[in-house]
Amino acid sequence: IFETPVDWQVFIPDALQNFTTEDLAKSLNINPKLAQKMAYCLRKTNLIGLAGKKGRANLYMRNF
């Protein structure tokens, strides 16, 4: 059960500080589309924020 935003931290591996959705997909061994949906949800809950761009991809950073 996810009761607080901190509970969602388990979805971002500790090794990722600044990352793209492709990095997230590779580190969790999931489909890139699912990683994009995860990033959207995590960003809306302010657990990650936009850190800039890496090429054409959004670069995210942890907010916790």
PDB file of N, CA and C in Angstrom:
ATOM      1  N   ILE A   1       0.853  -1.171   0.000  1.00  0.00           N
ATOM      2  CA  ILE A   1       0.000   0.000   0.000  1.00  0.00           C
ATOM      3  C   ILE A   1       0.899   1.234   0.000  1.00  0.00           C
ATOM      4  N   PHE A   2       0.569   2.173  -0.849  1.00  0.00           N
ATOM      5  CA  PHE A   2       1.322   3.423  -0.938  1.00  0.00           C
ATOM      6  C   PHE A   2       0.543   4.499  -0.211  1.00  0.00           C
ATOM      7  N   GLU A   3       1.035   4.867   0.968  1.00  0.00           N
ATOM      8  CA  GLU A   3       0.343   5.854   1.779  1.00  0.00           C
ATOM      9  C   GLU A   3       0.984   7.233   1.709  1.00  0.00           C
ATOM     10  N   THR A   4       2.286   7.276   1.501  1.00  0.00           N
ATOM     11  CA  THR A   4       2.995   8.548   1.431  1.00  0.00           C
ATOM     12  C   THR A   4       3.858   8.560   0.173  1.00  0.00           C
ATOM     13  N   PRO A   5       4.239   9.732  -0.294  1.00  0.00           N
ATOM     14  CA  PRO A   5       5.099   9.802  -1.482  1.00  0.00           C
ATOM     15  C   PRO A   5       6.418   9.048  -1.321  1.00  0.00           C
ATOM     16  N   VAL A   6       6.924   8.957  -0.104  1.00  0.00           N
ATOM     17  CA  VAL A   6       8.193   8.255   0.145  1.00  0.00           C
ATOM     18  C   VAL A   6       8.064   6.771  -0.206  1.00  0.00           C
ATOM     19  N   ASP A   7       6.869   6.213  -0.087  1.00  0.00           N
ATOM     20  CA  ASP A   7       6.657   4.809  -0.421  1.00  0.00           C
ATOM     21  C   ASP A   7       6.940   4.523  -1.897  1.00  0.00           C
ATOM     22  N   TRP A   8       6.859   5.542  -2.723  1.00  0.00           N
ATOM     23  CA  TRP A   8       7.075   5.376  -4.165  1.00  0.00           C
ATOM     24  C   TRP A   8       8.557   5.333  -4.534  1.00  0.00           C
ATOM     25  N   GLN A   9       9.442   5.607  -3.573  1.00  0.00           N
ATOM     26  CA  GLN A   9      10.883   5.609  -3.839  1.00  0.00           C
ATOM     27  C   GLN A   9      11.398   4.287  -4.370  1.00  0.00           C
ATOM     28  N   VAL A  10      10.733   3.201  -4.037  1.00  0.00           N
ATOM     29  CA  VAL A  10      11.205   1.874  -4.450  1.00  0.00           C
ATOM     30  C   VAL A  10      11.235   1.717  -5.961  1.00  0.00           C
ATOM     31  N   PHE A  11      10.549   2.582  -6.688  1.00  0.00           N
ATOM     32  CA  PHE A  11      10.513   2.475  -8.139  1.00  0.00           C
ATOM     33  C   PHE A  11      11.719   3.102  -8.824  1.00  0.00           C
ATOM     34  N   ILE A  12      12.540   3.814  -8.068  1.00  0.00           N
ATOM     35  CA  ILE A  12      13.727   4.435  -8.652  1.00  0.00           C
ATOM     36  C   ILE A  12      14.954   3.819  -7.992  1.00  0.00           C
ATOM     37  N   PRO A  13      15.725   3.041  -8.746  1.00  0.00           N
ATOM     38  CA  PRO A  13      16.928   2.414  -8.177  1.00  0.00           C
ATOM     39  C   PRO A  13      17.895   3.463  -7.623  1.00  0.00           C
ATOM     40  N   ASP A  14      18.587   3.127  -6.557  1.00  0.00           N
ATOM     41  CA  ASP A  14      19.528   4.050  -5.913  1.00  0.00           C
ATOM     42  C   ASP A  14      20.633   4.509  -6.851  1.00  0.00           C
ATOM     43  N   ALA A  15      20.986   3.683  -7.822  1.00  0.00           N
ATOM     44  CA  ALA A  15      22.069   4.017  -8.746  1.00  0.00           C
ATOM     45  C   ALA A  15      21.704   5.172  -9.684  1.00  0.00           C
ATOM     46  N   LEU A  16      20.414   5.443  -9.829  1.00  0.00           N
ATOM     47  CA  LEU A  16      19.977   6.512 -10.732  1.00  0.00           C
ATOM     48  C   LEU A  16      19.826   7.822  -9.970  1.00  0.00           C
ATOM     49  N   GLN A  17      20.594   8.806 -10.345  1.00  0.00           N
ATOM     50  CA  GLN A  17      20.458  10.150  -9.766  1.00  0.00           C
ATOM     51  C   GLN A  17      19.812  11.060 -10.810  1.00  0.00           C
ATOM     52  N   ASN A  18      20.464  11.228 -11.935  1.00  0.00           N
ATOM     53  CA  ASN A  18      19.888  11.913 -13.093  1.00  0.00           C
ATOM     54  C   ASN A  18      19.682  10.858 -14.162  1.00  0.00           C
ATOM     55  N   PHE A  19      18.477  10.792 -14.725  1.00  0.00           N
ATOM     56  CA  PHE A  19      18.161   9.675 -15.613  1.00  0.00           C
ATOM     57  C   PHE A  19      17.090  10.045 -16.621  1.00  0.00           C
ATOM     58  N   THR A  20      17.072   9.299 -17.707  1.00  0.00           N
ATOM     59  CA  THR A  20      16.011   9.401 -18.703  1.00  0.00           C
ATOM     60  C   THR A  20      15.062   8.221 -18.492  1.00  0.00           C
ATOM     61  N   THR A  21      13.951   8.227 -19.187  1.00  0.00           N
ATOM     62  CA  THR A  21      13.039   7.090 -19.075  1.00  0.00           C
ATOM     63  C   THR A  21      13.689   5.837 -19.653  1.00  0.00           C
ATOM     64  N   GLU A  22      14.563   6.002 -20.613  1.00  0.00           N
ATOM     65  CA  GLU A  22      15.290   4.848 -21.161  1.00  0.00           C
ATOM     66  C   GLU A  22      16.201   4.244 -20.093  1.00  0.00           C
ATOM     67  N   ASP A  23      16.890   5.095 -19.337  1.00  0.00           N
ATOM     68  CA  ASP A  23      17.735   4.619 -18.233  1.00  0.00           C
ATOM     69  C   ASP A  23      16.890   3.883 -17.192  1.00  0.00           C
ATOM     70  N   LEU A  24      15.720   4.429 -16.890  1.00  0.00           N
ATOM     71  CA  LEU A  24      14.817   3.814 -15.918  1.00  0.00           C
ATOM     72  C   LEU A  24      14.346   2.451 -16.410  1.00  0.00           C
ATOM     73  N   ALA A  25      13.981   2.372 -17.682  1.00  0.00           N
ATOM     74  CA  ALA A  25      13.520   1.106 -18.261  1.00  0.00           C
ATOM     75  C   ALA A  25      14.616   0.044 -18.209  1.00  0.00           C
ATOM     76  N   LYS A  26      15.835   0.426 -18.561  1.00  0.00           N
ATOM     77  CA  LYS A  26      16.942  -0.536 -18.551  1.00  0.00           C
ATOM     78  C   LYS A  26      17.273  -1.001 -17.141  1.00  0.00           C
ATOM     79  N   SER A  27      17.269  -0.082 -16.180  1.00  0.00           N
ATOM     80  CA  SER A  27      17.651  -0.465 -14.822  1.00  0.00           C
ATOM     81  C   SER A  27      16.595  -1.341 -14.149  1.00  0.00           C
ATOM     82  N   LEU A  28      15.320  -1.182 -14.535  1.00  0.00           N
ATOM     83  CA  LEU A  28      14.249  -1.995 -13.961  1.00  0.00           C
ATOM     84  C   LEU A  28      13.857  -3.179 -14.839  1.00  0.00           C
ATOM     85  N   ASN A  29      14.471  -3.249 -16.026  1.00  0.00           N
ATOM     86  CA  ASN A  29      14.173  -4.310 -16.983  1.00  0.00           C
ATOM     87  C   ASN A  29      12.682  -4.344 -17.335  1.00  0.00           C
ATOM     88  N   ILE A  30      12.176  -3.162 -17.720  1.00  0.00           N
ATOM     89  CA  ILE A  30      10.771  -3.033 -18.104  1.00  0.00           C
ATOM     90  C   ILE A  30      10.667  -2.382 -19.474  1.00  0.00           C
ATOM     91  N   ASN A  31       9.487  -2.385 -20.020  1.00  0.00           N
ATOM     92  CA  ASN A  31       9.195  -1.769 -21.312  1.00  0.00           C
ATOM     93  C   ASN A  31       9.379  -0.249 -21.208  1.00  0.00           C
ATOM     94  N   PRO A  32       9.990   0.387 -22.205  1.00  0.00           N
ATOM     95  CA  PRO A  32      10.174   1.843 -22.170  1.00  0.00           C
ATOM     96  C   PRO A  32       8.865   2.630 -22.038  1.00  0.00           C
ATOM     97  N   LYS A  33       7.791   2.132 -22.599  1.00  0.00           N
ATOM     98  CA  LYS A  33       6.491   2.822 -22.467  1.00  0.00           C
ATOM     99  C   LYS A  33       6.036   2.840 -21.007  1.00  0.00           C
ATOM    100  N   LEU A  34       6.264   1.752 -20.296  1.00  0.00           N
ATOM    101  CA  LEU A  34       5.909   1.702 -18.884  1.00  0.00           C
ATOM    102  C   LEU A  34       6.782   2.672 -18.085  1.00  0.00           C
ATOM    103  N   ALA A  35       8.047   2.764 -18.434  1.00  0.00           N
ATOM    104  CA  ALA A  35       8.956   3.701 -17.766  1.00  0.00           C
ATOM    105  C   ALA A  35       8.500   5.137 -17.985  1.00  0.00           C
ATOM    106  N   GLN A  36       7.987   5.450 -19.167  1.00  0.00           N
ATOM    107  CA  GLN A  36       7.468   6.789 -19.444  1.00  0.00           C
ATOM    108  C   GLN A  36       6.254   7.087 -18.573  1.00  0.00           C
ATOM    109  N   LYS A  37       5.384   6.111 -18.412  1.00  0.00           N
ATOM    110  CA  LYS A  37       4.197   6.290 -17.568  1.00  0.00           C
ATOM    111  C   LYS A  37       4.603   6.459 -16.109  1.00  0.00           C
ATOM    112  N   MET A  38       5.596   5.689 -15.679  1.00  0.00           N
ATOM    113  CA  MET A  38       6.090   5.816 -14.314  1.00  0.00           C
ATOM    114  C   MET A  38       6.677   7.206 -14.077  1.00  0.00           C
ATOM    115  N   ALA A  39       7.473   7.681 -15.020  1.00  0.00           N
ATOM    116  CA  ALA A  39       8.088   8.999 -14.891  1.00  0.00           C
ATOM    117  C   ALA A  39       7.016  10.084 -14.824  1.00  0.00           C
ATOM    118  N   TYR A  40       5.968   9.939 -15.612  1.00  0.00           N
ATOM    119  CA  TYR A  40       4.873  10.904 -15.588  1.00  0.00           C
ATOM    120  C   TYR A  40       4.247  10.950 -14.193  1.00  0.00           C
ATOM    121  N   CYS A  41       3.926   9.796 -13.638  1.00  0.00           N
ATOM    122  CA  CYS A  41       3.292   9.721 -12.316  1.00  0.00           C
ATOM    123  C   CYS A  41       4.225  10.238 -11.217  1.00  0.00           C
ATOM    124  N   LEU A  42       5.484   9.849 -11.281  1.00  0.00           N
ATOM    125  CA  LEU A  42       6.450  10.294 -10.280  1.00  0.00           C
ATOM    126  C   LEU A  42       6.673  11.800 -10.354  1.00  0.00           C
ATOM    127  N   ARG A  43       6.613  12.344 -11.558  1.00  0.00           N
ATOM    128  CA  ARG A  43       6.784  13.787 -11.716  1.00  0.00           C
ATOM    129  C   ARG A  43       5.565  14.534 -11.187  1.00  0.00           C
ATOM    130  N   LYS A  44       4.377  14.005 -11.424  1.00  0.00           N
ATOM    131  CA  LYS A  44       3.152  14.644 -10.938  1.00  0.00           C
ATOM    132  C   LYS A  44       3.072  14.638  -9.415  1.00  0.00           C
ATOM    133  N   THR A  45       3.714  13.664  -8.777  1.00  0.00           N
ATOM    134  CA  THR A  45       3.730  13.601  -7.318  1.00  0.00           C
ATOM    135  C   THR A  45       4.953  14.312  -6.735  1.00  0.00           C
ATOM    136  N   ASN A  46       5.721  14.973  -7.585  1.00  0.00           N
ATOM    137  CA  ASN A  46       6.910  15.736  -7.198  1.00  0.00           C
ATOM    138  C   ASN A  46       8.009  14.885  -6.568  1.00  0.00           C
ATOM    139  N   LEU A  47       8.050  13.604  -6.893  1.00  0.00           N
ATOM    140  CA  LEU A  47       9.152  12.762  -6.424  1.00  0.00           C
ATOM    141  C   LEU A  47      10.359  12.881  -7.342  1.00  0.00           C
ATOM    142  N   ILE A  48      10.113  13.224  -8.593  1.00  0.00           N
ATOM    143  CA  ILE A  48      11.196  13.526  -9.528  1.00  0.00           C
ATOM    144  C   ILE A  48      10.867  14.857 -10.189  1.00  0.00           C
ATOM    145  N   GLY A  49      11.883  15.495 -10.670  1.00  0.00           N
ATOM    146  CA  GLY A  49      11.708  16.766 -11.356  1.00  0.00           C
ATOM    147  C   GLY A  49      12.523  16.787 -12.623  1.00  0.00           C
ATOM    148  N   LEU A  50      12.206  17.710 -13.485  1.00  0.00           N
ATOM    149  CA  LEU A  50      12.916  17.858 -14.746  1.00  0.00           C
ATOM    150  C   LEU A  50      14.252  18.540 -14.493  1.00  0.00           C
ATOM    151  N   ALA A  51      15.338  17.897 -14.923  1.00  0.00           N
ATOM    152  CA  ALA A  51      16.681  18.435 -14.715  1.00  0.00           C
ATOM    153  C   ALA A  51      17.264  19.014 -15.994  1.00  0.00           C
ATOM    154  N   GLY A  52      16.595  18.821 -17.108  1.00  0.00           N
ATOM    155  CA  GLY A  52      17.081  19.315 -18.390  1.00  0.00           C
ATOM    156  C   GLY A  52      16.814  18.302 -19.479  1.00  0.00           C
ATOM    157  N   LYS A  53      17.706  18.272 -20.446  1.00  0.00           N
ATOM    158  CA  LYS A  53      17.568  17.375 -21.589  1.00  0.00           C
ATOM    159  C   LYS A  53      18.860  16.605 -21.797  1.00  0.00           C
ATOM    160  N   LYS A  54      18.716  15.405 -22.321  1.00  0.00           N
ATOM    161  CA  LYS A  54      19.851  14.598 -22.754  1.00  0.00           C
ATOM    162  C   LYS A  54      19.517  14.226 -24.193  1.00  0.00           C
ATOM    163  N   GLY A  55      20.063  15.007 -25.114  1.00  0.00           N
ATOM    164  CA  GLY A  55      19.646  14.860 -26.508  1.00  0.00           C
ATOM    165  C   GLY A  55      18.219  15.362 -26.622  1.00  0.00           C
ATOM    166  N   ARG A  56      17.320  14.500 -27.110  1.00  0.00           N
ATOM    167  CA  ARG A  56      15.912  14.863 -27.209  1.00  0.00           C
ATOM    168  C   ARG A  56      15.092  14.356 -26.029  1.00  0.00           C
ATOM    169  N   ALA A  57      15.720  13.585 -25.160  1.00  0.00           N
ATOM    170  CA  ALA A  57      15.010  12.976 -24.028  1.00  0.00           C
ATOM    171  C   ALA A  57      15.040  13.888 -22.802  1.00  0.00           C
ATOM    172  N   ASN A  58      13.958  13.860 -22.033  1.00  0.00           N
ATOM    173  CA  ASN A  58      13.935  14.580 -20.763  1.00  0.00           C
ATOM    174  C   ASN A  58      14.874  13.909 -19.778  1.00  0.00           C
ATOM    175  N   LEU A  59      15.582  14.712 -19.018  1.00  0.00           N
ATOM    176  CA  LEU A  59      16.478  14.220 -17.979  1.00  0.00           C
ATOM    177  C   LEU A  59      15.833  14.545 -16.642  1.00  0.00           C
ATOM    178  N   TYR A  60      15.647  13.517 -15.832  1.00  0.00           N
ATOM    179  CA  TYR A  60      14.969  13.680 -14.545  1.00  0.00           C
ATOM    180  C   TYR A  60      15.954  13.574 -13.399  1.00  0.00           C
ATOM    181  N   MET A  61      15.580  14.165 -12.266  1.00  0.00           N
ATOM    182  CA  MET A  61      16.384  14.062 -11.050  1.00  0.00           C
ATOM    183  C   MET A  61      15.446  13.739  -9.895  1.00  0.00           C
ATOM    184  N   ARG A  62      16.008  13.116  -8.876  1.00  0.00           N
ATOM    185  CA  ARG A  62      15.233  12.802  -7.668  1.00  0.00           C
ATOM    186  C   ARG A  62      14.961  14.066  -6.882  1.00  0.00           C
ATOM    187  N   ASN A  63      13.796  14.141  -6.268  1.00  0.00           N
ATOM    188  CA  ASN A  63      13.482  15.260  -5.376  1.00  0.00           C
ATOM    189  C   ASN A  63      13.462  14.814  -3.917  1.00  0.00           C
ATOM    190  N   PHE A  64      14.012  13.639  -3.632  1.00  0.00           N
ATOM    191  CA  PHE A  64      14.017  13.138  -2.252  1.00  0.00           C
ATOM    192  C   PHE A  64      15.388  12.637  -1.901  1.00  0.00           C
TER     193      PHE A  64
END
